[in-house]
Amino acid sequence: MSDHSFSDKTKSAVNKVKGEAKDQWGNATNDSQKGAEGKMDKAKGKVQEKVGKAKDQVNEKREKE
């Protein structure tokens, strides 16, 4: 795993946790804006996770060549 993909995966995890917290807080306080922010953070985390996985696949392919 490259440092860049590790970084993407770390950012992904942070954004997913942060997003879940905001989403839950928004639900608990009826703050739809905070809930929407949480959903966006979770989506951002999912994209970052996929980017990290794609980078791993590219690096694995390069190592085999």
PDB file of N, CA and C in Angstrom:
ATOM      1  N   MET A   1       0.846  -1.168   0.000  1.00  0.00           N
ATOM      2  CA  MET A   1       0.000   0.000   0.000  1.00  0.00           C
ATOM      3  C   MET A   1       0.894   1.235   0.000  1.00  0.00           C
ATOM      4  N   SER A   2       0.595   2.172  -0.887  1.00  0.00           N
ATOM      5  CA  SER A   2       1.408   3.381  -0.959  1.00  0.00           C
ATOM      6  C   SER A   2       0.981   4.365   0.119  1.00  0.00           C
ATOM      7  N   ASP A   3       1.857   5.327   0.374  1.00  0.00           N
ATOM      8  CA  ASP A   3       1.538   6.358   1.364  1.00  0.00           C
ATOM      9  C   ASP A   3       0.322   7.161   0.943  1.00  0.00           C
ATOM     10  N   HIS A   4       0.177   7.379  -0.372  1.00  0.00           N
ATOM     11  CA  HIS A   4      -0.955   8.172  -0.856  1.00  0.00           C
ATOM     12  C   HIS A   4      -2.271   7.434  -0.650  1.00  0.00           C
ATOM     13  N   SER A   5      -2.306   6.155  -0.938  1.00  0.00           N
ATOM     14  CA  SER A   5      -3.553   5.414  -0.752  1.00  0.00           C
ATOM     15  C   SER A   5      -3.870   5.278   0.734  1.00  0.00           C
ATOM     16  N   PHE A   6      -2.839   5.141   1.562  1.00  0.00           N
ATOM     17  CA  PHE A   6      -3.058   5.094   3.007  1.00  0.00           C
ATOM     18  C   PHE A   6      -3.665   6.408   3.483  1.00  0.00           C
ATOM     19  N   SER A   7      -3.140   7.515   2.955  1.00  0.00           N
ATOM     20  CA  SER A   7      -3.652   8.836   3.304  1.00  0.00           C
ATOM     21  C   SER A   7      -5.111   8.969   2.882  1.00  0.00           C
ATOM     22  N   ASP A   8      -5.448   8.516   1.687  1.00  0.00           N
ATOM     23  CA  ASP A   8      -6.826   8.570   1.210  1.00  0.00           C
ATOM     24  C   ASP A   8      -7.737   7.733   2.101  1.00  0.00           C
ATOM     25  N   LYS A   9      -7.267   6.568   2.481  1.00  0.00           N
ATOM     26  CA  LYS A   9      -8.075   5.693   3.330  1.00  0.00           C
ATOM     27  C   LYS A   9      -8.247   6.282   4.725  1.00  0.00           C
ATOM     28  N   THR A  10      -7.217   6.939   5.229  1.00  0.00           N
ATOM     29  CA  THR A  10      -7.315   7.584   6.536  1.00  0.00           C
ATOM     30  C   THR A  10      -8.310   8.736   6.485  1.00  0.00           C
ATOM     31  N   LYS A  11      -8.183   9.562   5.461  1.00  0.00           N
ATOM     32  CA  LYS A  11      -9.116  10.675   5.294  1.00  0.00           C
ATOM     33  C   LYS A  11     -10.538  10.151   5.137  1.00  0.00           C
ATOM     34  N   SER A  12     -10.666   9.050   4.425  1.00  0.00           N
ATOM     35  CA  SER A  12     -11.974   8.434   4.234  1.00  0.00           C
ATOM     36  C   SER A  12     -12.600   8.069   5.566  1.00  0.00           C
ATOM     37  N   ALA A  13     -11.839   7.398   6.403  1.00  0.00           N
ATOM     38  CA  ALA A  13     -12.356   6.970   7.704  1.00  0.00           C
ATOM     39  C   ALA A  13     -12.737   8.176   8.561  1.00  0.00           C
ATOM     40  N   VAL A  14     -11.905   9.197   8.549  1.00  0.00           N
ATOM     41  CA  VAL A  14     -12.180  10.399   9.342  1.00  0.00           C
ATOM     42  C   VAL A  14     -13.465  11.063   8.854  1.00  0.00           C
ATOM     43  N   ASN A  15     -13.610  11.203   7.539  1.00  0.00           N
ATOM     44  CA  ASN A  15     -14.796  11.854   7.007  1.00  0.00           C
ATOM     45  C   ASN A  15     -16.063  11.046   7.265  1.00  0.00           C
ATOM     46  N   LYS A  16     -15.954   9.728   7.203  1.00  0.00           N
ATOM     47  CA  LYS A  16     -17.132   8.906   7.477  1.00  0.00           C
ATOM     48  C   LYS A  16     -17.560   9.028   8.941  1.00  0.00           C
ATOM     49  N   VAL A  17     -16.601   9.011   9.849  1.00  0.00           N
ATOM     50  CA  VAL A  17     -16.925   9.139  11.273  1.00  0.00           C
ATOM     51  C   VAL A  17     -17.477  10.536  11.563  1.00  0.00           C
ATOM     52  N   LYS A  18     -16.807  11.548  11.029  1.00  0.00           N
ATOM     53  CA  LYS A  18     -17.265  12.920  11.220  1.00  0.00           C
ATOM     54  C   LYS A  18     -18.671  13.099  10.642  1.00  0.00           C
ATOM     55  N   GLY A  19     -18.883  12.548   9.468  1.00  0.00           N
ATOM     56  CA  GLY A  19     -20.189  12.644   8.823  1.00  0.00           C
ATOM     57  C   GLY A  19     -21.275  11.951   9.614  1.00  0.00           C
ATOM     58  N   GLU A  20     -20.977  10.785  10.130  1.00  0.00           N
ATOM     59  CA  GLU A  20     -21.963  10.057  10.931  1.00  0.00           C
ATOM     60  C   GLU A  20     -22.316  10.847  12.185  1.00  0.00           C
ATOM     61  N   ALA A  21     -21.311  11.455  12.819  1.00  0.00           N
ATOM     62  CA  ALA A  21     -21.563  12.249  14.021  1.00  0.00           C
ATOM     63  C   ALA A  21     -22.454  13.451  13.698  1.00  0.00           C
ATOM     64  N   LYS A  22     -22.143  14.158  12.613  1.00  0.00           N
ATOM     65  CA  LYS A  22     -22.957  15.309  12.220  1.00  0.00           C
ATOM     66  C   LYS A  22     -24.371  14.877  11.869  1.00  0.00           C
ATOM     67  N   ASP A  23     -24.481  13.776  11.152  1.00  0.00           N
ATOM     68  CA  ASP A  23     -25.791  13.271  10.744  1.00  0.00           C
ATOM     69  C   ASP A  23     -26.630  12.938  11.975  1.00  0.00           C
ATOM     70  N   GLN A  24     -26.036  12.232  12.926  1.00  0.00           N
ATOM     71  CA  GLN A  24     -26.752  11.872  14.149  1.00  0.00           C
ATOM     72  C   GLN A  24     -27.111  13.112  14.969  1.00  0.00           C
ATOM     73  N   TRP A  25     -26.180  14.067  15.055  1.00  0.00           N
ATOM     74  CA  TRP A  25     -26.454  15.299  15.786  1.00  0.00           C
ATOM     75  C   TRP A  25     -27.609  16.058  15.118  1.00  0.00           C
ATOM     76  N   GLY A  26     -27.576  16.118  13.806  1.00  0.00           N
ATOM     77  CA  GLY A  26     -28.654  16.778  13.079  1.00  0.00           C
ATOM     78  C   GLY A  26     -29.998  16.119  13.331  1.00  0.00           C
ATOM     79  N   ASN A  27     -30.004  14.788  13.369  1.00  0.00           N
ATOM     80  CA  ASN A  27     -31.243  14.057  13.663  1.00  0.00           C
ATOM     81  C   ASN A  27     -31.722  14.332  15.088  1.00  0.00           C
ATOM     82  N   ALA A  28     -30.803  14.337  16.033  1.00  0.00           N
ATOM     83  CA  ALA A  28     -31.166  14.508  17.438  1.00  0.00           C
ATOM     84  C   ALA A  28     -31.666  15.920  17.740  1.00  0.00           C
ATOM     85  N   THR A  29     -31.164  16.902  16.994  1.00  0.00           N
ATOM     86  CA  THR A  29     -31.520  18.299  17.272  1.00  0.00           C
ATOM     87  C   THR A  29     -32.457  18.885  16.229  1.00  0.00           C
ATOM     88  N   ASN A  30     -32.929  18.056  15.308  1.00  0.00           N
ATOM     89  CA  ASN A  30     -33.774  18.521  14.198  1.00  0.00           C
ATOM     90  C   ASN A  30     -33.101  19.616  13.381  1.00  0.00           C
ATOM     91  N   ASP A  31     -31.786  19.513  13.245  1.00  0.00           N
ATOM     92  CA  ASP A  31     -30.998  20.469  12.455  1.00  0.00           C
ATOM     93  C   ASP A  31     -30.737  19.844  11.091  1.00  0.00           C
ATOM     94  N   SER A  32     -31.605  20.158  10.136  1.00  0.00           N
ATOM     95  CA  SER A  32     -31.492  19.522   8.819  1.00  0.00           C
ATOM     96  C   SER A  32     -30.212  19.922   8.098  1.00  0.00           C
ATOM     97  N   GLN A  33     -29.716  21.138   8.341  1.00  0.00           N
ATOM     98  CA  GLN A  33     -28.470  21.562   7.701  1.00  0.00           C
ATOM     99  C   GLN A  33     -27.300  20.718   8.200  1.00  0.00           C
ATOM    100  N   LYS A  34     -27.238  20.483   9.511  1.00  0.00           N
ATOM    101  CA  LYS A  34     -26.147  19.667  10.071  1.00  0.00           C
ATOM    102  C   LYS A  34     -26.255  18.231   9.562  1.00  0.00           C
ATOM    103  N   GLY A  35     -27.488  17.726   9.464  1.00  0.00           N
ATOM    104  CA  GLY A  35     -27.684  16.384   8.928  1.00  0.00           C
ATOM    105  C   GLY A  35     -27.210  16.284   7.485  1.00  0.00           C
ATOM    106  N   ALA A  36     -27.507  17.324   6.700  1.00  0.00           N
ATOM    107  CA  ALA A  36     -27.067  17.336   5.296  1.00  0.00           C
ATOM    108  C   ALA A  36     -25.548  17.396   5.204  1.00  0.00           C
ATOM    109  N   GLU A  37     -24.927  18.195   6.084  1.00  0.00           N
ATOM    110  CA  GLU A  37     -23.457  18.249   6.109  1.00  0.00           C
ATOM    111  C   GLU A  37     -22.881  16.864   6.412  1.00  0.00           C
ATOM    112  N   GLY A  38     -23.514  16.177   7.343  1.00  0.00           N
ATOM    113  CA  GLY A  38     -23.058  14.838   7.698  1.00  0.00           C
ATOM    114  C   GLY A  38     -23.153  13.873   6.540  1.00  0.00           C
ATOM    115  N   LYS A  39     -24.245  13.938   5.820  1.00  0.00           N
ATOM    116  CA  LYS A  39     -24.415  13.063   4.652  1.00  0.00           C
ATOM    117  C   LYS A  39     -23.368  13.369   3.582  1.00  0.00           C
ATOM    118  N   MET A  40     -23.053  14.645   3.403  1.00  0.00           N
ATOM    119  CA  MET A  40     -22.021  15.023   2.432  1.00  0.00           C
ATOM    120  C   MET A  40     -20.647  14.520   2.870  1.00  0.00           C
ATOM    121  N   ASP A  41     -20.343  14.638   4.165  1.00  0.00           N
ATOM    122  CA  ASP A  41     -19.051  14.140   4.668  1.00  0.00           C
ATOM    123  C   ASP A  41     -18.942  12.633   4.476  1.00  0.00           C
ATOM    124  N   LYS A  42     -20.034  11.920   4.730  1.00  0.00           N
ATOM    125  CA  LYS A  42     -20.010  10.459   4.548  1.00  0.00           C
ATOM    126  C   LYS A  42     -19.801  10.115   3.073  1.00  0.00           C
ATOM    127  N   ALA A  43     -20.463  10.843   2.186  1.00  0.00           N
ATOM    128  CA  ALA A  43     -20.287  10.591   0.750  1.00  0.00           C
ATOM    129  C   ALA A  43     -18.848  10.880   0.327  1.00  0.00           C
ATOM    130  N   LYS A  44     -18.303  11.971   0.834  1.00  0.00           N
ATOM    131  CA  LYS A  44     -16.906  12.316   0.538  1.00  0.00           C
ATOM    132  C   LYS A  44     -15.977  11.196   1.006  1.00  0.00           C
ATOM    133  N   GLY A  45     -16.250  10.652   2.186  1.00  0.00           N
ATOM    134  CA  GLY A  45     -15.443   9.549   2.714  1.00  0.00           C
ATOM    135  C   GLY A  45     -15.506   8.317   1.837  1.00  0.00           C
ATOM    136  N   LYS A  46     -16.690   8.021   1.310  1.00  0.00           N
ATOM    137  CA  LYS A  46     -16.837   6.853   0.435  1.00  0.00           C
ATOM    138  C   LYS A  46     -16.044   7.037  -0.851  1.00  0.00           C
ATOM    139  N   VAL A  47     -16.057   8.252  -1.393  1.00  0.00           N
ATOM    140  CA  VAL A  47     -15.281   8.525  -2.611  1.00  0.00           C
ATOM    141  C   VAL A  47     -13.791   8.383  -2.317  1.00  0.00           C
ATOM    142  N   GLN A  48     -13.335   8.947  -1.202  1.00  0.00           N
ATOM    143  CA  GLN A  48     -11.917   8.839  -0.845  1.00  0.00           C
ATOM    144  C   GLN A  48     -11.498   7.392  -0.661  1.00  0.00           C
ATOM    145  N   GLU A  49     -12.376   6.579  -0.109  1.00  0.00           N
ATOM    146  CA  GLU A  49     -12.071   5.158   0.061  1.00  0.00           C
ATOM    147  C   GLU A  49     -11.874   4.490  -1.298  1.00  0.00           C
ATOM    148  N   LYS A  50     -12.740   4.801  -2.250  1.00  0.00           N
ATOM    149  CA  LYS A  50     -12.622   4.214  -3.589  1.00  0.00           C
ATOM    150  C   LYS A  50     -11.355   4.686  -4.292  1.00  0.00           C
ATOM    151  N   VAL A  51     -10.995   5.952  -4.085  1.00  0.00           N
ATOM    152  CA  VAL A  51      -9.762   6.479  -4.671  1.00  0.00           C
ATOM    153  C   VAL A  51      -8.562   5.723  -4.102  1.00  0.00           C
ATOM    154  N   GLY A  52      -8.553   5.508  -2.801  1.00  0.00           N
ATOM    155  CA  GLY A  52      -7.454   4.762  -2.168  1.00  0.00           C
ATOM    156  C   GLY A  52      -7.346   3.348  -2.706  1.00  0.00           C
ATOM    157  N   LYS A  53      -8.488   2.691  -2.889  1.00  0.00           N
ATOM    158  CA  LYS A  53      -8.478   1.328  -3.432  1.00  0.00           C
ATOM    159  C   LYS A  53      -7.977   1.317  -4.866  1.00  0.00           C
ATOM    160  N   ALA A  54      -8.390   2.312  -5.648  1.00  0.00           N
ATOM    161  CA  ALA A  54      -7.941   2.386  -7.044  1.00  0.00           C
ATOM    162  C   ALA A  54      -6.433   2.600  -7.111  1.00  0.00           C
ATOM    163  N   LYS A  55      -5.919   3.449  -6.236  1.00  0.00           N
ATOM    164  CA  LYS A  55      -4.467   3.681  -6.213  1.00  0.00           C
ATOM    165  C   LYS A  55      -3.726   2.397  -5.846  1.00  0.00           C
ATOM    166  N   ASP A  56      -4.277   1.626  -4.908  1.00  0.00           N
ATOM    167  CA  ASP A  56      -3.662   0.348  -4.548  1.00  0.00           C
ATOM    168  C   ASP A  56      -3.611  -0.590  -5.751  1.00  0.00           C
ATOM    169  N   GLN A  57      -4.699  -0.644  -6.502  1.00  0.00           N
ATOM    170  CA  GLN A  57      -4.751  -1.523  -7.670  1.00  0.00           C
ATOM    171  C   GLN A  57      -3.734  -1.101  -8.723  1.00  0.00           C
ATOM    172  N   VAL A  58      -3.610   0.199  -8.951  1.00  0.00           N
ATOM    173  CA  VAL A  58      -2.628   0.701  -9.919  1.00  0.00           C
ATOM    174  C   VAL A  58      -1.224   0.347  -9.461  1.00  0.00           C
ATOM    175  N   ASN A  59      -0.943   0.546  -8.183  1.00  0.00           N
ATOM    176  CA  ASN A  59       0.393   0.242  -7.653  1.00  0.00           C
ATOM    177  C   ASN A  59       0.702  -1.248  -7.735  1.00  0.00           C
ATOM    178  N   GLU A  60      -0.296  -2.093  -7.450  1.00  0.00           N
ATOM    179  CA  GLU A  60      -0.091  -3.542  -7.551  1.00  0.00           C
ATOM    180  C   GLU A  60       0.212  -3.936  -8.990  1.00  0.00           C
ATOM    181  N   LYS A  61      -0.496  -3.321  -9.925  1.00  0.00           N
ATOM    182  CA  LYS A  61      -0.270  -3.631 -11.348  1.00  0.00           C
ATOM    183  C   LYS A  61       1.137  -3.209 -11.765  1.00  0.00           C
ATOM    184  N   ARG A  62       1.575  -2.039 -11.302  1.00  0.00           N
ATOM    185  CA  ARG A  62       2.916  -1.554 -11.628  1.00  0.00           C
ATOM    186  C   ARG A  62       3.992  -2.464 -11.052  1.00  0.00           C
ATOM    187  N   GLU A  63       3.759  -2.973  -9.848  1.00  0.00           N
ATOM    188  CA  GLU A  63       4.740  -3.832  -9.191  1.00  0.00           C
ATOM    189  C   GLU A  63       4.891  -5.164  -9.937  1.00  0.00           C
ATOM    190  N   LYS A  64       3.827  -5.612 -10.582  1.00  0.00           N
ATOM    191  CA  LYS A  64       3.871  -6.882 -11.311  1.00  0.00           C
ATOM    192  C   LYS A  64       4.586  -6.747 -12.644  1.00  0.00           C
ATOM    193  N   GLU A  65       4.662  -5.533 -13.139  1.00  0.00           N
ATOM    194  CA  GLU A  65       5.288  -5.314 -14.468  1.00  0.00           C
ATOM    195  C   GLU A  65       6.790  -5.300 -14.391  1.00  0.00           C
TER     196      GLU A  65
END
